[in-house]
PDB file of N, CA and C in Angstrom:
ATOM      1  N   UNK A   1       0.841  -1.174   0.000  1.00  0.00           N
ATOM      2  CA  UNK A   1       0.000   0.000   0.000  1.00  0.00           C
ATOM      3  C   UNK A   1       0.889   1.242   0.000  1.00  0.00           C
ATOM      4  N   UNK A   2       0.516   2.222  -0.779  1.00  0.00           N
ATOM      5  CA  UNK A   2       1.256   3.479  -0.821  1.00  0.00           C
ATOM      6  C   UNK A   2       0.936   4.311   0.421  1.00  0.00           C
ATOM      7  N   UNK A   3       1.785   5.271   0.692  1.00  0.00           N
ATOM      8  CA  UNK A   3       1.601   6.132   1.863  1.00  0.00           C
ATOM      9  C   UNK A   3       0.301   6.921   1.763  1.00  0.00           C
ATOM     10  N   UNK A   4      -0.039   7.364   0.567  1.00  0.00           N
ATOM     11  CA  UNK A   4      -1.281   8.121   0.383  1.00  0.00           C
ATOM     12  C   UNK A   4      -2.491   7.235   0.689  1.00  0.00           C
ATOM     13  N   UNK A   5      -2.459   6.002   0.243  1.00  0.00           N
ATOM     14  CA  UNK A   5      -3.556   5.080   0.497  1.00  0.00           C
ATOM     15  C   UNK A   5      -3.675   4.763   1.980  1.00  0.00           C
ATOM     16  N   UNK A   6      -2.539   4.544   2.632  1.00  0.00           N
ATOM     17  CA  UNK A   6      -2.555   4.299   4.075  1.00  0.00           C
ATOM     18  C   UNK A   6      -3.144   5.493   4.806  1.00  0.00           C
ATOM     19  N   UNK A   7      -2.788   6.695   4.363  1.00  0.00           N
ATOM     20  CA  UNK A   7      -3.292   7.914   4.994  1.00  0.00           C
ATOM     21  C   UNK A   7      -4.800   8.036   4.866  1.00  0.00           C
ATOM     22  N   UNK A   8      -5.338   7.683   3.717  1.00  0.00           N
ATOM     23  CA  UNK A   8      -6.786   7.779   3.506  1.00  0.00           C
ATOM     24  C   UNK A   8      -7.518   6.699   4.291  1.00  0.00           C
ATOM     25  N   UNK A   9      -7.020   5.474   4.237  1.00  0.00           N
ATOM     26  CA  UNK A   9      -7.685   4.354   4.917  1.00  0.00           C
ATOM     27  C   UNK A   9      -7.681   4.543   6.434  1.00  0.00           C
ATOM     28  N   UNK A  10      -6.729   5.287   6.957  1.00  0.00           N
ATOM     29  CA  UNK A  10      -6.648   5.526   8.398  1.00  0.00           C
ATOM     30  C   UNK A  10      -7.874   6.248   8.942  1.00  0.00           C
ATOM     31  N   UNK A  11      -8.629   6.899   8.093  1.00  0.00           N
ATOM     32  CA  UNK A  11      -9.816   7.632   8.534  1.00  0.00           C
ATOM     33  C   UNK A  11     -11.116   6.851   8.321  1.00  0.00           C
ATOM     34  N   UNK A  12     -11.043   5.696   7.673  1.00  0.00           N
ATOM     35  CA  UNK A  12     -12.263   4.962   7.327  1.00  0.00           C
ATOM     36  C   UNK A  12     -12.517   3.903   8.394  1.00  0.00           C
ATOM     37  N   UNK A  13     -13.307   4.204   9.353  1.00  0.00           N
ATOM     38  CA  UNK A  13     -13.666   3.376  10.516  1.00  0.00           C
ATOM     39  C   UNK A  13     -12.438   2.910  11.288  1.00  0.00           C
ATOM     40  N   UNK A  14     -12.667   2.374  12.445  1.00  0.00           N
ATOM     41  CA  UNK A  14     -11.564   1.905  13.273  1.00  0.00           C
ATOM     42  C   UNK A  14     -10.925   0.660  12.659  1.00  0.00           C
ATOM     43  N   UNK A  15     -11.707  -0.130  11.948  1.00  0.00           N
ATOM     44  CA  UNK A  15     -11.149  -1.300  11.260  1.00  0.00           C
ATOM     45  C   UNK A  15     -10.206  -0.845  10.153  1.00  0.00           C
ATOM     46  N   UNK A  16     -10.576   0.187   9.427  1.00  0.00           N
ATOM     47  CA  UNK A  16      -9.702   0.757   8.409  1.00  0.00           C
ATOM     48  C   UNK A  16      -8.424   1.285   9.020  1.00  0.00           C
ATOM     49  N   UNK A  17      -8.535   1.885  10.210  1.00  0.00           N
ATOM     50  CA  UNK A  17      -7.344   2.393  10.876  1.00  0.00           C
ATOM     51  C   UNK A  17      -6.407   1.248  11.232  1.00  0.00           C
ATOM     52  N   UNK A  18      -6.960   0.150  11.740  1.00  0.00           N
ATOM     53  CA  UNK A  18      -6.130  -1.006  12.101  1.00  0.00           C
ATOM     54  C   UNK A  18      -5.441  -1.579  10.864  1.00  0.00           C
ATOM     55  N   UNK A  19      -6.164  -1.680   9.760  1.00  0.00           N
ATOM     56  CA  UNK A  19      -5.569  -2.174   8.515  1.00  0.00           C
ATOM     57  C   UNK A  19      -4.450  -1.246   8.051  1.00  0.00           C
ATOM     58  N   UNK A  20      -4.693   0.064   8.097  1.00  0.00           N
ATOM     59  CA  UNK A  20      -3.671   1.029   7.694  1.00  0.00           C
ATOM     60  C   UNK A  20      -2.455   0.941   8.615  1.00  0.00           C
ATOM     61  N   UNK A  21      -2.688   0.774   9.897  1.00  0.00           N
ATOM     62  CA  UNK A  21      -1.588   0.667  10.857  1.00  0.00           C
ATOM     63  C   UNK A  21      -0.743  -0.577  10.584  1.00  0.00           C
ATOM     64  N   UNK A  22      -1.402  -1.706  10.342  1.00  0.00           N
ATOM     65  CA  UNK A  22      -0.666  -2.945  10.065  1.00  0.00           C
ATOM     66  C   UNK A  22       0.131  -2.837   8.763  1.00  0.00           C
ATOM     67  N   UNK A  23      -0.448  -2.199   7.758  1.00  0.00           N
ATOM     68  CA  UNK A  23       0.271  -1.998   6.497  1.00  0.00           C
ATOM     69  C   UNK A  23       1.470  -1.064   6.702  1.00  0.00           C
ATOM     70  N   UNK A  24       1.276  -0.047   7.520  1.00  0.00           N
ATOM     71  CA  UNK A  24       2.363   0.896   7.802  1.00  0.00           C
ATOM     72  C   UNK A  24       3.500   0.199   8.537  1.00  0.00           C
ATOM     73  N   UNK A  25       3.178  -0.665   9.487  1.00  0.00           N
ATOM     74  CA  UNK A  25       4.206  -1.380  10.254  1.00  0.00           C
ATOM     75  C   UNK A  25       4.999  -2.348   9.379  1.00  0.00           C
ATOM     76  N   UNK A  26       4.381  -2.883   8.321  1.00  0.00           N
ATOM     77  CA  UNK A  26       5.067  -3.828   7.438  1.00  0.00           C
ATOM     78  C   UNK A  26       6.031  -3.144   6.474  1.00  0.00           C
ATOM     79  N   UNK A  27       5.855  -1.848   6.272  1.00  0.00           N
ATOM     80  CA  UNK A  27       6.706  -1.117   5.334  1.00  0.00           C
ATOM     81  C   UNK A  27       8.124  -1.012   5.878  1.00  0.00           C
ATOM     82  N   UNK A  28       9.081  -1.132   4.983  1.00  0.00           N
ATOM     83  CA  UNK A  28      10.475  -0.955   5.382  1.00  0.00           C
ATOM     84  C   UNK A  28      10.813   0.519   5.502  1.00  0.00           C
ATOM     85  N   UNK A  29      10.275   1.333   4.588  1.00  0.00           N
ATOM     86  CA  UNK A  29      10.496   2.776   4.638  1.00  0.00           C
ATOM     87  C   UNK A  29       9.269   3.432   5.262  1.00  0.00           C
ATOM     88  N   UNK A  30       9.450   3.989   6.432  1.00  0.00           N
ATOM     89  CA  UNK A  30       8.349   4.679   7.117  1.00  0.00           C
ATOM     90  C   UNK A  30       8.151   6.055   6.476  1.00  0.00           C
ATOM     91  N   UNK A  31       6.899   6.436   6.314  1.00  0.00           N
ATOM     92  CA  UNK A  31       6.563   7.695   5.666  1.00  0.00           C
ATOM     93  C   UNK A  31       5.936   8.628   6.690  1.00  0.00           C
ATOM     94  N   UNK A  32       6.391   9.864   6.721  1.00  0.00           N
ATOM     95  CA  UNK A  32       5.865  10.831   7.682  1.00  0.00           C
ATOM     96  C   UNK A  32       4.404  11.165   7.419  1.00  0.00           C
ATOM     97  N   UNK A  33       3.990  11.191   6.157  1.00  0.00           N
ATOM     98  CA  UNK A  33       2.597  11.490   5.820  1.00  0.00           C
ATOM     99  C   UNK A  33       1.669  10.427   6.407  1.00  0.00           C
ATOM    100  N   UNK A  34       2.010   9.164   6.211  1.00  0.00           N
ATOM    101  CA  UNK A  34       1.184   8.074   6.733  1.00  0.00           C
ATOM    102  C   UNK A  34       1.173   8.098   8.257  1.00  0.00           C
ATOM    103  N   UNK A  35       2.317   8.328   8.866  1.00  0.00           N
ATOM    104  CA  UNK A  35       2.404   8.397  10.321  1.00  0.00           C
ATOM    105  C   UNK A  35       1.538   9.524  10.873  1.00  0.00           C
ATOM    106  N   UNK A  36       1.594  10.676  10.220  1.00  0.00           N
ATOM    107  CA  UNK A  36       0.818  11.837  10.659  1.00  0.00           C
ATOM    108  C   UNK A  36      -0.677  11.535  10.595  1.00  0.00           C
ATOM    109  N   UNK A  37      -1.132  10.965   9.492  1.00  0.00           N
ATOM    110  CA  UNK A  37      -2.568  10.711   9.345  1.00  0.00           C
ATOM    111  C   UNK A  37      -3.031   9.534  10.199  1.00  0.00           C
ATOM    112  N   UNK A  38      -2.144   8.602  10.507  1.00  0.00           N
ATOM    113  CA  UNK A  38      -2.499   7.557  11.463  1.00  0.00           C
ATOM    114  C   UNK A  38      -2.773   8.168  12.843  1.00  0.00           C
ATOM    115  N   UNK A  39      -1.937   9.101  13.251  1.00  0.00           N
ATOM    116  CA  UNK A  39      -2.161   9.729  14.556  1.00  0.00           C
ATOM    117  C   UNK A  39      -3.403  10.610  14.555  1.00  0.00           C
ATOM    118  N   UNK A  40      -3.645  11.323  13.475  1.00  0.00           N
ATOM    119  CA  UNK A  40      -4.843  12.152  13.387  1.00  0.00           C
ATOM    120  C   UNK A  40      -6.111  11.283  13.376  1.00  0.00           C
ATOM    121  N   UNK A  41      -6.079  10.187  12.615  1.00  0.00           N
ATOM    122  CA  UNK A  41      -7.227   9.288  12.558  1.00  0.00           C
ATOM    123  C   UNK A  41      -7.532   8.664  13.909  1.00  0.00           C
ATOM    124  N   UNK A  42      -6.487   8.210  14.610  1.00  0.00           N
ATOM    125  CA  UNK A  42      -6.690   7.650  15.945  1.00  0.00           C
ATOM    126  C   UNK A  42      -7.228   8.708  16.897  1.00  0.00           C
ATOM    127  N   UNK A  43      -6.739   9.923  16.763  1.00  0.00           N
ATOM    128  CA  UNK A  43      -7.243  11.018  17.594  1.00  0.00           C
ATOM    129  C   UNK A  43      -8.717  11.283  17.371  1.00  0.00           C
ATOM    130  N   UNK A  44      -9.156  11.235  16.128  1.00  0.00           N
ATOM    131  CA  UNK A  44     -10.574  11.452  15.833  1.00  0.00           C
ATOM    132  C   UNK A  44     -11.414  10.328  16.423  1.00  0.00           C
ATOM    133  N   UNK A  45     -10.934   9.096  16.346  1.00  0.00           N
ATOM    134  CA  UNK A  45     -11.692   7.985  16.907  1.00  0.00           C
ATOM    135  C   UNK A  45     -11.772   8.066  18.426  1.00  0.00           C
ATOM    136  N   UNK A  46     -10.689   8.457  19.080  1.00  0.00           N
ATOM    137  CA  UNK A  46     -10.706   8.647  20.530  1.00  0.00           C
ATOM    138  C   UNK A  46     -11.669   9.769  20.900  1.00  0.00           C
ATOM    139  N   UNK A  47     -11.616  10.865  20.147  1.00  0.00           N
ATOM    140  CA  UNK A  47     -12.539  11.978  20.378  1.00  0.00           C
ATOM    141  C   UNK A  47     -13.987  11.519  20.228  1.00  0.00           C
ATOM    142  N   UNK A  48     -14.270  10.689  19.222  1.00  0.00           N
ATOM    143  CA  UNK A  48     -15.636  10.218  18.985  1.00  0.00           C
ATOM    144  C   UNK A  48     -16.141   9.391  20.159  1.00  0.00           C
ATOM    145  N   UNK A  49     -15.296   8.542  20.712  1.00  0.00           N
ATOM    146  CA  UNK A  49     -15.699   7.708  21.853  1.00  0.00           C
ATOM    147  C   UNK A  49     -15.984   8.578  23.075  1.00  0.00           C
ATOM    148  N   UNK A  50     -15.078   9.506  23.370  1.00  0.00           N
ATOM    149  CA  UNK A  50     -15.258  10.393  24.523  1.00  0.00           C
ATOM    150  C   UNK A  50     -16.509  11.256  24.341  1.00  0.00           C
ATOM    151  N   UNK A  51     -16.703  11.793  23.138  1.00  0.00           N
ATOM    152  CA  UNK A  51     -17.869  12.625  22.864  1.00  0.00           C
ATOM    153  C   UNK A  51     -19.160  11.837  23.035  1.00  0.00           C
ATOM    154  N   UNK A  52     -19.199  10.610  22.548  1.00  0.00           N
ATOM    155  CA  UNK A  52     -20.407   9.804  22.684  1.00  0.00           C
ATOM    156  C   UNK A  52     -20.705   9.455  24.133  1.00  0.00           C
ATOM    157  N   UNK A  53     -19.678   9.217  24.919  1.00  0.00           N
ATOM    158  CA  UNK A  53     -19.897   8.967  26.346  1.00  0.00           C
ATOM    159  C   UNK A  53     -20.471  10.203  27.017  1.00  0.00           C
ATOM    160  N   UNK A  54     -19.891  11.368  26.738  1.00  0.00           N
ATOM    161  CA  UNK A  54     -20.395  12.615  27.324  1.00  0.00           C
ATOM    162  C   UNK A  54     -21.815  12.923  26.870  1.00  0.00           C
ATOM    163  N   UNK A  55     -22.100  12.728  25.589  1.00  0.00           N
ATOM    164  CA  UNK A  55     -23.440  12.999  25.093  1.00  0.00           C
ATOM    165  C   UNK A  55     -24.468  12.055  25.723  1.00  0.00           C
ATOM    166  N   UNK A  56     -24.103  10.807  25.918  1.00  0.00           N
ATOM    167  CA  UNK A  56     -25.003   9.852  26.558  1.00  0.00           C
ATOM    168  C   UNK A  56     -25.325  10.278  27.982  1.00  0.00           C
ATOM    169  N   UNK A  57     -24.318  10.738  28.702  1.00  0.00           N
ATOM    170  CA  UNK A  57     -24.539  11.195  30.074  1.00  0.00           C
ATOM    171  C   UNK A  57     -25.437  12.423  30.097  1.00  0.00           C
ATOM    172  N   UNK A  58     -25.141  13.401  29.243  1.00  0.00           N
ATOM    173  CA  UNK A  58     -25.931  14.642  29.229  1.00  0.00           C
ATOM    174  C   UNK A  58     -27.367  14.368  28.794  1.00  0.00           C
ATOM    175  N   UNK A  59     -27.547  13.532  27.801  1.00  0.00           N
ATOM    176  CA  UNK A  59     -28.900  13.249  27.319  1.00  0.00           C
ATOM    177  C   UNK A  59     -29.695  12.459  28.364  1.00  0.00           C
ATOM    178  N   UNK A  60     -29.035  11.601  29.135  1.00  0.00           N
ATOM    179  CA  UNK A  60     -29.767  10.869  30.173  1.00  0.00           C
ATOM    180  C   UNK A  60     -30.175  11.787  31.316  1.00  0.00           C
ATOM    181  N   UNK A  61     -29.406  12.852  31.546  1.00  0.00           N
ATOM    182  CA  UNK A  61     -29.757  13.813  32.595  1.00  0.00           C
ATOM    183  C   UNK A  61     -30.803  14.806  32.101  1.00  0.00           C
ATOM    184  N   UNK A  62     -30.627  15.309  30.872  1.00  0.00           N
ATOM    185  CA  UNK A  62     -31.537  16.300  30.299  1.00  0.00           C
ATOM    186  C   UNK A  62     -32.051  15.775  28.954  1.00  0.00           C
ATOM    187  N   UNK A  63     -33.106  14.950  28.958  1.00  0.00           N
ATOM    188  CA  UNK A  63     -33.574  14.332  27.716  1.00  0.00           C
ATOM    189  C   UNK A  63     -34.075  15.321  26.659  1.00  0.00           C
ATOM    190  N   UNK A  64     -34.494  16.499  27.078  1.00  0.00           N
ATOM    191  CA  UNK A  64     -35.017  17.464  26.109  1.00  0.00           C
ATOM    192  C   UNK A  64     -33.935  18.008  25.171  1.00  0.00           C
ATOM    193  N   UNK A  65     -32.673  17.834  25.515  1.00  0.00           N
ATOM    194  CA  UNK A  65     -31.578  18.292  24.665  1.00  0.00           C
ATOM    195  C   UNK A  65     -31.158  17.240  23.641  1.00  0.00           C
ATOM    196  N   UNK A  66     -31.834  16.120  23.610  1.00  0.00           N
ATOM    197  CA  UNK A  66     -31.447  15.002  22.754  1.00  0.00           C
ATOM    198  C   UNK A  66     -31.350  15.347  21.287  1.00  0.00           C
ATOM    199  N   UNK A  67     -32.343  16.054  20.760  1.00  0.00           N
ATOM    200  CA  UNK A  67     -32.328  16.355  19.323  1.00  0.00           C
ATOM    201  C   UNK A  67     -31.231  17.352  18.959  1.00  0.00           C
ATOM    202  N   UNK A  68     -30.950  18.280  19.833  1.00  0.00           N
ATOM    203  CA  UNK A  68     -29.893  19.259  19.572  1.00  0.00           C
ATOM    204  C   UNK A  68     -28.521  18.600  19.675  1.00  0.00           C
ATOM    205  N   UNK A  69     -28.338  17.769  20.695  1.00  0.00           N
ATOM    206  CA  UNK A  69     -27.044  17.127  20.896  1.00  0.00           C
ATOM    207  C   UNK A  69     -26.786  16.020  19.886  1.00  0.00           C
ATOM    208  N   UNK A  70     -27.829  15.533  19.238  1.00  0.00           N
ATOM    209  CA  UNK A  70     -27.633  14.531  18.186  1.00  0.00           C
ATOM    210  C   UNK A  70     -26.829  15.128  17.035  1.00  0.00           C
ATOM    211  N   UNK A  71     -27.017  16.409  16.768  1.00  0.00           N
ATOM    212  CA  UNK A  71     -26.229  17.081  15.728  1.00  0.00           C
ATOM    213  C   UNK A  71     -24.761  17.199  16.131  1.00  0.00           C
ATOM    214  N   UNK A  72     -24.504  17.393  17.419  1.00  0.00           N
ATOM    215  CA  UNK A  72     -23.125  17.453  17.903  1.00  0.00           C
ATOM    216  C   UNK A  72     -22.463  16.089  17.734  1.00  0.00           C
ATOM    217  N   UNK A  73     -23.250  15.024  17.837  1.00  0.00           N
ATOM    218  CA  UNK A  73     -22.729  13.679  17.657  1.00  0.00           C
ATOM    219  C   UNK A  73     -22.229  13.395  16.248  1.00  0.00           C
ATOM    220  N   UNK A  74     -22.615  14.221  15.290  1.00  0.00           N
ATOM    221  CA  UNK A  74     -22.156  14.066  13.910  1.00  0.00           C
ATOM    222  C   UNK A  74     -20.801  14.721  13.659  1.00  0.00           C
ATOM    223  N   UNK A  75     -20.316  15.439  14.629  1.00  0.00           N
ATOM    224  CA  UNK A  75     -19.049  16.156  14.494  1.00  0.00           C
ATOM    225  C   UNK A  75     -17.868  15.246  14.134  1.00  0.00           C
ATOM    226  N   UNK A  76     -17.724  14.066  14.738  1.00  0.00           N
ATOM    227  CA  UNK A  76     -16.600  13.198  14.328  1.00  0.00           C
ATOM    228  C   UNK A  76     -16.653  12.791  12.856  1.00  0.00           C
ATOM    229  N   UNK A  77     -17.825  12.627  12.305  1.00  0.00           N
ATOM    230  CA  UNK A  77     -17.944  12.285  10.884  1.00  0.00           C
ATOM    231  C   UNK A  77     -17.414  13.427  10.026  1.00  0.00           C
ATOM    232  N   UNK A  78     -17.719  14.648  10.419  1.00  0.00           N
ATOM    233  CA  UNK A  78     -17.218  15.820   9.696  1.00  0.00           C
ATOM    234  C   UNK A  78     -15.692  15.859   9.765  1.00  0.00           C
ATOM    235  N   UNK A  79     -15.138  15.556  10.946  1.00  0.00           N
ATOM    236  CA  UNK A  79     -13.679  15.531  11.098  1.00  0.00           C
ATOM    237  C   UNK A  79     -13.048  14.449  10.226  1.00  0.00           C
ATOM    238  N   UNK A  80     -13.696  13.297  10.145  1.00  0.00           N
ATOM    239  CA  UNK A  80     -13.176  12.214   9.304  1.00  0.00           C
ATOM    240  C   UNK A  80     -13.156  12.620   7.834  1.00  0.00           C
ATOM    241  N   UNK A  81     -14.200  13.301   7.386  1.00  0.00           N
ATOM    242  CA  UNK A  81     -14.245  13.751   5.988  1.00  0.00           C
ATOM    243  C   UNK A  81     -13.127  14.756   5.717  1.00  0.00           C
ATOM    244  N   UNK A  82     -12.926  15.689   6.643  1.00  0.00           N
ATOM    245  CA  UNK A  82     -11.818  16.644   6.484  1.00  0.00           C
ATOM    246  C   UNK A  82     -10.474  15.917   6.440  1.00  0.00           C
ATOM    247  N   UNK A  83     -10.310  14.907   7.280  1.00  0.00           N
ATOM    248  CA  UNK A  83      -9.074  14.140   7.289  1.00  0.00           C
ATOM    249  C   UNK A  83      -8.846  13.396   5.986  1.00  0.00           C
ATOM    250  N   UNK A  84      -9.902  12.803   5.439  1.00  0.00           N
ATOM    251  CA  UNK A  84      -9.793  12.085   4.172  1.00  0.00           C
ATOM    252  C   UNK A  84      -9.400  13.033   3.050  1.00  0.00           C
ATOM    253  N   UNK A  85     -10.015  14.195   3.023  1.00  0.00           N
ATOM    254  CA  UNK A  85      -9.691  15.181   1.990  1.00  0.00           C
ATOM    255  C   UNK A  85      -8.238  15.637   2.112  1.00  0.00           C
ATOM    256  N   UNK A  86      -7.797  15.886   3.325  1.00  0.00           N
ATOM    257  CA  UNK A  86      -6.413  16.305   3.548  1.00  0.00           C
ATOM    258  C   UNK A  86      -5.434  15.202   3.147  1.00  0.00           C
ATOM    259  N   UNK A  87      -5.763  13.965   3.490  1.00  0.00           N
ATOM    260  CA  UNK A  87      -4.890  12.838   3.140  1.00  0.00           C
ATOM    261  C   UNK A  87      -4.854  12.632   1.624  1.00  0.00           C
ATOM    262  N   UNK A  88      -5.983  12.804   0.962  1.00  0.00           N
ATOM    263  CA  UNK A  88      -6.027  12.651  -0.493  1.00  0.00           C
ATOM    264  C   UNK A  88      -5.190  13.717  -1.190  1.00  0.00           C
ATOM    265  N   UNK A  89      -5.095  14.889  -0.579  1.00  0.00           N
ATOM    266  CA  UNK A  89      -4.270  15.965  -1.135  1.00  0.00           C
ATOM    267  C   UNK A  89      -2.808  15.853  -0.703  1.00  0.00           C
ATOM    268  N   UNK A  90      -2.489  14.817   0.069  1.00  0.00           N
ATOM    269  CA  UNK A  90      -1.142  14.563   0.574  1.00  0.00           C
ATOM    270  C   UNK A  90      -0.591  15.748   1.369  1.00  0.00           C
ATOM    271  N   UNK A  91      -1.452  16.350   2.169  1.00  0.00           N
ATOM    272  CA  UNK A  91      -1.055  17.482   3.011  1.00  0.00           C
ATOM    273  C   UNK A  91      -0.976  17.021   4.464  1.00  0.00           C
ATOM    274  N   UNK A  92      -0.197  17.728   5.241  1.00  0.00           N
ATOM    275  CA  UNK A  92      -0.080  17.423   6.668  1.00  0.00           C
ATOM    276  C   UNK A  92      -0.742  18.528   7.468  1.00  0.00           C
ATOM    277  N   UNK A  93      -2.044  18.658   7.302  1.00  0.00           N
ATOM    278  CA  UNK A  93      -2.809  19.653   8.051  1.00  0.00           C
ATOM    279  C   UNK A  93      -3.609  18.936   9.127  1.00  0.00           C
ATOM    280  N   UNK A  94      -3.676  19.513  10.325  1.00  0.00           N
ATOM    281  CA  UNK A  94      -4.446  18.858  11.382  1.00  0.00           C
ATOM    282  C   UNK A  94      -5.954  18.941  11.118  1.00  0.00           C
ATOM    283  N   UNK A  95      -6.658  17.995  11.694  1.00  0.00           N
ATOM    284  CA  UNK A  95      -8.111  17.991  11.626  1.00  0.00           C
ATOM    285  C   UNK A  95      -8.596  19.243  12.364  1.00  0.00           C
ATOM    286  N   UNK A  96      -9.641  19.917  11.872  1.00  0.00           N
ATOM    287  CA  UNK A  96     -10.107  21.137  12.543  1.00  0.00           C
ATOM    288  C   UNK A  96     -10.458  20.908  14.012  1.00  0.00           C
ATOM    289  N   UNK A  97     -10.243  21.898  14.812  1.00  0.00           N
ATOM    290  CA  UNK A  97     -10.570  21.992  16.236  1.00  0.00           C
ATOM    291  C   UNK A  97      -9.738  21.044  17.109  1.00  0.00           C
ATOM    292  N   UNK A  98      -9.742  19.744  16.844  1.00  0.00           N
ATOM    293  CA  UNK A  98      -9.081  18.792  17.738  1.00  0.00           C
ATOM    294  C   UNK A  98      -7.734  18.301  17.224  1.00  0.00           C
ATOM    295  N   UNK A  99      -7.395  18.575  15.998  1.00  0.00           N
ATOM    296  CA  UNK A  99      -6.195  18.019  15.381  1.00  0.00           C
ATOM    297  C   UNK A  99      -4.899  18.397  16.071  1.00  0.00           C
ATOM    298  N   UNK A 100      -4.792  19.611  16.569  1.00  0.00           N
ATOM    299  CA  UNK A 100      -3.569  20.065  17.236  1.00  0.00           C
ATOM    300  C   UNK A 100      -3.295  19.258  18.508  1.00  0.00           C
ATOM    301  N   UNK A 101      -4.353  18.772  19.160  1.00  0.00           N
ATOM    302  CA  UNK A 101      -4.179  17.992  20.376  1.00  0.00           C
ATOM    303  C   UNK A 101      -3.450  16.682  20.127  1.00  0.00           C
ATOM    304  N   UNK A 102      -3.625  16.116  18.949  1.00  0.00           N
ATOM    305  CA  UNK A 102      -3.102  14.786  18.656  1.00  0.00           C
ATOM    306  C   UNK A 102      -1.857  14.801  17.769  1.00  0.00           C
ATOM    307  N   UNK A 103      -1.318  15.966  17.464  1.00  0.00           N
ATOM    308  CA  UNK A 103      -0.194  16.028  16.525  1.00  0.00           C
ATOM    309  C   UNK A 103       1.049  15.303  17.025  1.00  0.00           C
ATOM    310  N   UNK A 104       1.449  15.484  18.233  1.00  0.00           N
ATOM    311  CA  UNK A 104       2.657  14.833  18.725  1.00  0.00           C
ATOM    312  C   UNK A 104       2.388  13.758  19.750  1.00  0.00           C
ATOM    313  N   UNK A 105       1.149  13.368  19.912  1.00  0.00           N
ATOM    314  CA  UNK A 105       0.772  12.458  20.981  1.00  0.00           C
ATOM    315  C   UNK A 105       1.168  10.996  20.707  1.00  0.00           C
ATOM    316  N   UNK A 106       1.013  10.551  19.487  1.00  0.00           N
ATOM    317  CA  UNK A 106       1.266   9.147  19.147  1.00  0.00           C
ATOM    318  C   UNK A 106       2.496   9.051  18.259  1.00  0.00           C
ATOM    319  N   UNK A 107       3.326   8.075  18.509  1.00  0.00           N
ATOM    320  CA  UNK A 107       4.524   7.862  17.701  1.00  0.00           C
ATOM    321  C   UNK A 107       4.366   6.579  16.906  1.00  0.00           C
ATOM    322  N   UNK A 108       4.267   6.706  15.599  1.00  0.00           N
ATOM    323  CA  UNK A 108       4.139   5.527  14.745  1.00  0.00           C
ATOM    324  C   UNK A 108       5.369   5.407  13.874  1.00  0.00           C
TER     325      UNK A 108
END
């Protein structure tokens, strides 16, 4: 798999991230682009899990906010689309809002 392909697949579900990670580990020449997007993709997935836990707690306490907070739950999907577009353009730009948090956090 090419580095660009690994970068794109890293954003397509957590299973796609695992496949991209395994392909990246098998490569003899490590690519910074693939490494960067692997960390960004993992960051988005971690953010999605934390966000869903928080939304579940808030909605169970205040059920009337359910329809409004359901739109907030779509935020990780928007981040994934931005990540895919950035990876397809072979750029190293962080995902909006949360990307800076995960830039140096994971070492691949």
